[in-house]
Amino acid sequence: MKRKVLVVDIGGTHVKLLMSSRNQREFASGPRMRPEQMIARFKETVREWKFDVASIGFPACVRKGRITKDPKHLGKGWAGFNFGRALGKPVRVINDAAMQALGSYHGGGRMLFLGLGTGLGSALVWKKTLLPLELGDLPYPEGKIIENYLGVPGLELLGQREWKREVIYAVMQLKRSLIADYVVLGGGNVRRFNAVPRGVELGQNENAFLGGTRLWETQRHSRQSKWCVL
């Protein structure tokens, strides 16, 4: 019997909960939200939903399914938090940009995913391999980091027209540096683009649901995951 997967996309402003394209809910997050508060709101929001397993996309570094440090845009106490114990269900945790990247991948070689949201999410996907990245911390002029310009702070600083020009310049530089065959732009601010250069595609936030579902895909005649998450 096919497992029912609940996908949780934790962002700097909202937590999105998806069971299907029609079963979607959300609640506000923010810089003061701690894991205990998130779990309480989560249980209240999905109390009548029936699911077997959960995939959680989280906006910080995740290694082997464990959050290694607190995120920049949420409260404290996330590092090492045990979601499976808190929810009483099997849970797989992954970086939020990596989850959306996994859902955005449609083959065609090596894909770089860049999430234009509160900060800058990033991941590489090729064949059956997913490599989460932390490109948002790359240095930028005047002591800044790249997500200061490509994330929400950059949009507020530069204005939309100049921000879009800055994003495209950086995207093409990163595409060449990481030898990507194509780039998918996702995140909440991707809607500000009507057109992008050749080799760049506009993604959809709904791809996070597909990515979360793919995390539970297994190889034929095996219980091992179909995807290698590095």
Protein backbone atom coordinates (compact mmCIF):
# COMPACT_ATOMS: atom_id res chain seq x y z
CA MET A 1 0.00 0.00 0.00
CA LYS A 2 1.30 3.44 -0.91
CA ARG A 3 2.37 5.55 2.05
CA LYS A 4 0.73 8.91 2.66
CA VAL A 5 3.48 11.51 2.85
CA LEU A 6 3.01 14.82 4.65
CA VAL A 7 5.47 17.45 3.42
CA VAL A 8 6.46 20.29 5.77
CA ASP A 9 8.27 23.28 4.28
CA ILE A 10 9.64 25.46 7.10
CA GLY A 11 10.53 28.97 5.96
CA GLY A 12 11.58 32.22 7.55
CA THR A 13 8.07 33.69 7.31
CA HIS A 14 5.70 30.71 6.97
CA VAL A 15 5.46 26.97 7.58
CA LYS A 16 3.68 25.25 4.70
CA LEU A 17 2.02 21.85 5.07
CA LEU A 18 1.15 19.79 2.00
CA MET A 19 -0.59 16.46 1.58
CA SER A 20 -1.40 17.00 -2.10
CA SER A 21 -1.81 19.88 -4.55
CA ARG A 22 -5.27 20.50 -3.04
CA ASN A 23 -4.49 19.79 0.61
CA GLN A 24 -2.30 22.73 1.61
CA ARG A 25 -2.20 24.77 4.79
CA GLU A 26 0.22 27.19 6.40
CA PHE A 27 0.91 29.22 9.49
CA ALA A 28 3.31 32.07 10.31
CA SER A 29 6.86 31.38 11.52
CA GLY A 30 9.33 34.23 12.13
CA PRO A 31 12.58 34.97 14.01
CA ARG A 32 11.18 33.95 17.43
CA MET A 33 9.70 30.58 16.49
CA ARG A 34 11.27 27.70 18.42
CA PRO A 35 10.73 23.99 17.62
CA GLU A 36 8.27 23.43 20.48
CA GLN A 37 6.07 26.25 19.19
CA MET A 38 6.25 24.90 15.64
CA ILE A 39 5.25 21.40 16.76
CA ALA A 40 2.26 22.75 18.72
CA ARG A 41 1.03 24.77 15.74
CA PHE A 42 1.72 21.83 13.43
CA LYS A 43 -0.42 19.40 15.45
CA GLU A 44 -3.23 21.92 15.68
CA THR A 45 -3.17 22.63 11.93
CA VAL A 46 -3.18 19.00 10.73
CA ARG A 47 -5.14 17.33 13.54
CA GLU A 48 -7.65 15.66 11.16
CA TRP A 49 -5.13 14.71 8.46
CA LYS A 50 -4.07 11.06 8.21
CA PHE A 51 -0.45 10.49 7.15
CA ASP A 52 2.09 7.69 7.50
CA VAL A 53 5.42 9.52 7.17
CA ALA A 54 6.66 13.10 6.97
CA SER A 55 9.32 14.99 5.03
CA ILE A 56 10.57 18.24 6.54
CA GLY A 57 12.43 20.92 4.61
CA PHE A 58 14.40 23.13 6.99
CA PRO A 59 16.23 26.44 6.29
CA ALA A 60 19.64 25.52 7.73
CA CYS A 61 22.41 22.97 7.30
CA VAL A 62 21.18 19.38 7.69
CA ARG A 63 23.59 16.40 7.81
CA LYS A 64 22.36 12.80 7.82
CA GLY A 65 18.86 13.92 8.66
CA ARG A 66 19.87 16.07 11.65
CA ILE A 67 19.88 19.87 11.87
CA THR A 68 23.47 20.90 12.70
CA LYS A 69 22.93 24.55 13.65
CA ASP A 70 20.15 27.00 14.36
CA PRO A 71 18.86 28.89 11.29
CA LYS A 72 19.41 32.59 10.69
CA HIS A 73 15.73 33.49 10.36
CA LEU A 74 14.07 31.44 13.14
CA GLY A 75 14.45 31.11 16.91
CA LYS A 76 16.82 28.93 18.94
CA GLY A 77 16.78 25.26 19.88
CA TRP A 78 16.56 23.63 16.44
CA ALA A 79 20.00 22.01 16.26
CA GLY A 80 19.64 18.29 16.99
CA PHE A 81 15.87 18.51 17.51
CA ASN A 82 14.22 15.08 17.11
CA PHE A 83 11.17 15.58 14.87
CA GLY A 84 10.36 11.88 14.74
CA ARG A 85 10.02 11.69 18.52
CA ALA A 86 7.96 14.89 18.63
CA LEU A 87 5.53 13.74 15.91
CA GLY A 88 5.46 10.04 16.67
CA LYS A 89 5.95 9.24 12.97
CA PRO A 90 8.89 8.33 10.69
CA VAL A 91 10.42 11.64 9.57
CA ARG A 92 13.09 12.58 7.05
CA VAL A 93 14.64 16.03 7.44
CA ILE A 94 16.48 17.82 4.65
CA ASN A 95 17.50 21.38 3.82
CA ASP A 96 14.45 23.22 2.46
CA ALA A 97 16.16 24.35 -0.76
CA ALA A 98 17.41 20.80 -1.34
CA MET A 99 13.86 19.47 -0.99
CA GLN A 100 12.56 21.94 -3.56
CA ALA A 101 15.55 21.17 -5.79
CA LEU A 102 14.72 17.46 -5.65
CA GLY A 103 11.18 18.20 -6.79
CA SER A 104 12.38 20.58 -9.53
CA TYR A 105 14.79 18.13 -11.16
CA HIS A 106 13.61 16.67 -14.46
CA GLY A 107 16.81 15.05 -15.67
CA GLY A 108 18.89 16.63 -18.39
CA GLY A 109 22.23 16.46 -16.59
CA ARG A 110 23.47 18.62 -13.73
CA MET A 111 20.95 21.08 -12.23
CA LEU A 112 21.73 23.99 -9.90
CA PHE A 113 18.80 25.12 -7.79
CA LEU A 114 18.71 28.62 -6.26
CA GLY A 115 15.90 29.62 -3.92
CA LEU A 116 15.14 33.34 -3.82
CA GLY A 117 13.46 33.77 -0.46
CA THR A 118 14.28 35.28 2.90
CA GLY A 119 17.87 34.27 2.17
CA LEU A 120 19.40 32.23 -0.66
CA GLY A 121 18.86 28.48 -0.75
CA SER A 122 20.94 26.27 -3.02
CA ALA A 123 21.51 22.67 -4.09
CA LEU A 124 22.93 20.58 -6.94
CA VAL A 125 21.12 17.54 -8.41
CA TRP A 126 22.40 15.03 -10.95
CA LYS A 127 21.21 11.53 -11.81
CA LYS A 128 20.06 10.12 -8.44
CA THR A 129 22.29 12.35 -6.31
CA LEU A 130 21.32 15.43 -4.28
CA LEU A 131 23.99 17.75 -2.84
CA PRO A 132 22.72 20.52 -0.52
CA LEU A 133 24.84 23.68 -0.68
CA GLU A 134 25.33 26.82 1.42
CA LEU A 135 26.06 29.31 -1.35
CA GLY A 136 24.28 32.07 0.56
CA ASP A 137 27.41 32.51 2.69
CA LEU A 138 29.70 33.31 -0.25
CA PRO A 139 31.46 36.66 0.31
CA TYR A 140 30.25 39.76 -1.50
CA PRO A 141 31.67 43.32 -1.59
CA GLU A 142 31.73 45.58 1.48
CA GLY A 143 31.88 42.71 3.95
CA LYS A 144 28.49 41.31 2.87
CA ILE A 145 27.51 37.80 1.83
CA ILE A 146 25.69 36.95 -1.38
CA GLU A 147 22.30 36.34 0.25
CA ASN A 148 22.35 39.94 1.51
CA TYR A 149 21.92 40.94 -2.13
CA LEU A 150 19.92 38.07 -3.63
CA GLY A 151 17.56 37.55 -0.69
CA VAL A 152 14.88 39.84 0.70
CA PRO A 153 17.41 42.36 2.15
CA GLY A 154 18.86 42.89 -1.32
CA LEU A 155 15.42 43.45 -2.82
CA GLU A 156 14.69 46.09 -0.19
CA LEU A 157 18.11 47.73 -0.64
CA LEU A 158 18.33 47.77 -4.44
CA GLY A 159 14.71 47.99 -5.56
CA GLN A 160 13.14 45.41 -7.85
CA ARG A 161 14.69 46.46 -11.17
CA GLU A 162 18.31 46.58 -9.93
CA TRP A 163 17.77 43.48 -7.76
CA LYS A 164 16.64 41.44 -10.75
CA ARG A 165 19.73 42.53 -12.68
CA GLU A 166 21.93 41.51 -9.73
CA VAL A 167 20.23 38.12 -9.45
CA ILE A 168 20.70 37.26 -13.12
CA TYR A 169 24.36 38.31 -13.05
CA ALA A 170 25.04 36.13 -9.98
CA VAL A 171 23.04 33.19 -11.35
CA MET A 172 25.05 33.06 -14.58
CA GLN A 173 28.33 33.28 -12.63
CA LEU A 174 27.29 30.41 -10.35
CA LYS A 175 26.07 28.34 -13.30
CA ARG A 176 29.50 28.55 -14.91
CA SER A 177 31.41 28.01 -11.66
CA LEU A 178 29.48 24.84 -10.74
CA ILE A 179 29.38 23.53 -14.33
CA ALA A 180 25.60 23.24 -14.25
CA ASP A 181 23.68 22.28 -17.39
CA TYR A 182 20.76 24.41 -16.25
CA VAL A 183 19.55 26.45 -13.29
CA VAL A 184 16.12 26.40 -11.67
CA LEU A 185 15.11 29.50 -9.70
CA GLY A 186 12.63 28.87 -6.91
CA GLY A 187 11.51 30.53 -3.71
CA GLY A 188 8.89 33.16 -3.01
CA ASN A 189 10.52 35.96 -5.01
CA VAL A 190 10.83 34.03 -8.27
CA ARG A 191 7.37 35.36 -9.16
CA ARG A 192 9.00 38.74 -9.80
CA PHE A 193 10.59 37.39 -13.00
CA ASN A 194 8.70 37.19 -16.29
CA ALA A 195 11.68 36.12 -18.39
CA VAL A 196 15.11 34.63 -17.68
CA PRO A 197 18.18 33.86 -19.85
CA ARG A 198 18.62 30.65 -21.76
CA GLY A 199 19.67 27.83 -19.46
CA VAL A 200 17.64 29.21 -16.56
CA GLU A 201 14.13 28.07 -15.63
CA LEU A 202 11.52 29.45 -13.26
CA GLY A 203 10.45 26.87 -10.70
CA GLN A 204 7.34 26.60 -8.54
CA ASN A 205 7.07 26.37 -4.76
CA GLU A 206 4.77 23.38 -5.27
CA ASN A 207 7.84 21.42 -6.34
CA ALA A 208 8.71 21.16 -2.64
CA PHE A 209 5.81 18.71 -2.29
CA LEU A 210 7.17 16.53 -5.08
CA GLY A 211 10.65 16.69 -3.53
CA GLY A 212 9.33 15.67 -0.13
CA THR A 213 7.48 12.76 -1.71
CA ARG A 214 10.56 11.67 -3.65
CA LEU A 215 12.51 11.41 -0.38
CA TRP A 216 10.43 8.31 0.40
CA GLU A 217 10.87 6.64 -2.99
CA THR A 218 12.73 3.33 -2.76
CA GLN A 219 14.67 1.28 -5.25
CA ARG A 220 12.82 -1.57 -6.91
CA HIS A 221 12.87 -4.76 -4.80
CA SER A 222 14.62 -2.85 -2.00
CA ARG A 223 13.82 -0.62 0.95
CA GLN A 224 16.81 1.59 0.24
CA SER A 225 16.14 5.17 -0.81
CA LYS A 226 16.15 5.86 -4.53
CA TRP A 227 18.07 9.10 -3.90
CA CYS A 228 21.55 9.59 -2.45
CA VAL A 229 21.53 12.74 -0.30
CA LEU A 230 25.09 13.89 0.38
